[in-house]
Amino acid sequence: MNFPNQFYAKSAVLLVSDPTTSTLTLKKKKMCPSI
């Protein structure tokens, strides 16, 4: 399953386009590892 890779790729794109929102999202994902 390639889902995690796609998720991180999407996050990397978001990080470039919208750093604040994506950073908050990544912090939430780290606190709740189950996607």
N, C-alpha and C. Protein backbone atom coordinates (compact mmCIF):
# COMPACT_ATOMS: atom_id res chain seq x y z
N MET A 1 0.85 -1.20 0.00
CA MET A 1 0.00 0.00 0.00
C MET A 1 0.88 1.25 0.00
N ASN A 2 0.64 2.13 -0.95
CA ASN A 2 1.49 3.30 -1.09
C ASN A 2 0.91 4.53 -0.41
N PHE A 3 -0.16 4.33 0.35
CA PHE A 3 -0.87 5.50 0.89
C PHE A 3 0.02 6.44 1.70
N PRO A 4 0.85 5.93 2.63
CA PRO A 4 1.68 6.85 3.43
C PRO A 4 2.57 7.71 2.55
N ASN A 5 3.17 7.12 1.51
CA ASN A 5 4.03 7.90 0.64
C ASN A 5 3.26 9.02 -0.04
N GLN A 6 2.05 8.70 -0.51
CA GLN A 6 1.22 9.72 -1.15
C GLN A 6 0.86 10.80 -0.15
N PHE A 7 0.58 10.40 1.09
CA PHE A 7 0.21 11.37 2.12
C PHE A 7 1.37 12.33 2.37
N TYR A 8 2.58 11.79 2.49
CA TYR A 8 3.73 12.66 2.77
C TYR A 8 4.05 13.53 1.57
N ALA A 9 3.87 13.01 0.37
CA ALA A 9 4.10 13.82 -0.83
C ALA A 9 3.12 14.98 -0.86
N LYS A 10 1.85 14.68 -0.55
CA LYS A 10 0.83 15.73 -0.51
C LYS A 10 1.19 16.76 0.56
N SER A 11 1.67 16.28 1.69
CA SER A 11 2.04 17.18 2.79
C SER A 11 3.20 18.07 2.37
N ALA A 12 4.14 17.51 1.62
CA ALA A 12 5.28 18.30 1.17
C ALA A 12 4.81 19.42 0.25
N VAL A 13 3.86 19.11 -0.63
CA VAL A 13 3.32 20.13 -1.53
C VAL A 13 2.59 21.19 -0.72
N LEU A 14 1.79 20.76 0.26
CA LEU A 14 1.08 21.72 1.11
C LEU A 14 2.07 22.57 1.89
N LEU A 15 3.15 21.97 2.33
CA LEU A 15 4.14 22.69 3.12
C LEU A 15 4.69 23.87 2.31
N VAL A 16 4.83 23.67 1.00
CA VAL A 16 5.33 24.75 0.14
C VAL A 16 4.26 25.80 -0.08
N SER A 17 3.02 25.35 -0.33
CA SER A 17 1.97 26.30 -0.70
C SER A 17 1.35 26.98 0.52
N ASP A 18 1.24 26.24 1.64
CA ASP A 18 0.56 26.79 2.82
C ASP A 18 1.24 26.27 4.09
N PRO A 19 2.38 26.85 4.46
CA PRO A 19 3.18 26.32 5.57
C PRO A 19 2.41 26.23 6.88
N THR A 20 1.64 27.26 7.23
CA THR A 20 1.00 27.29 8.54
C THR A 20 -0.01 26.16 8.68
N THR A 21 -0.91 26.04 7.72
CA THR A 21 -1.96 25.02 7.79
C THR A 21 -1.36 23.62 7.79
N SER A 22 -0.40 23.38 6.89
CA SER A 22 0.16 22.03 6.79
C SER A 22 0.95 21.67 8.04
N THR A 23 1.61 22.65 8.65
CA THR A 23 2.35 22.36 9.88
C THR A 23 1.40 21.93 10.98
N LEU A 24 0.28 22.64 11.12
CA LEU A 24 -0.71 22.27 12.13
C LEU A 24 -1.24 20.87 11.84
N THR A 25 -1.50 20.58 10.56
CA THR A 25 -2.02 19.26 10.19
C THR A 25 -1.02 18.17 10.55
N LEU A 26 0.26 18.41 10.24
CA LEU A 26 1.28 17.41 10.54
C LEU A 26 1.39 17.19 12.04
N LYS A 27 1.27 18.25 12.82
CA LYS A 27 1.33 18.09 14.27
C LYS A 27 0.16 17.25 14.76
N LYS A 28 -1.02 17.47 14.19
CA LYS A 28 -2.19 16.66 14.56
C LYS A 28 -1.95 15.20 14.20
N LYS A 29 -1.38 14.96 13.02
CA LYS A 29 -1.14 13.60 12.57
C LYS A 29 -0.13 12.92 13.49
N LYS A 30 0.86 13.68 13.97
CA LYS A 30 1.85 13.08 14.86
C LYS A 30 1.23 12.73 16.20
N MET A 31 0.30 13.56 16.67
CA MET A 31 -0.36 13.26 17.94
C MET A 31 -1.34 12.10 17.78
N CYS A 32 -1.91 11.95 16.59
CA CYS A 32 -2.83 10.84 16.30
C CYS A 32 -2.26 10.06 15.12
N PRO A 33 -1.31 9.16 15.37
CA PRO A 33 -0.60 8.48 14.29
C PRO A 33 -1.52 7.67 13.38
N SER A 34 -2.64 7.18 13.91
CA SER A 34 -3.54 6.37 13.09
C SER A 34 -4.24 7.26 12.08
N ILE A 35 -3.93 7.03 10.79
CA ILE A 35 -4.52 7.87 9.74
C ILE A 35 -5.90 7.34 9.38
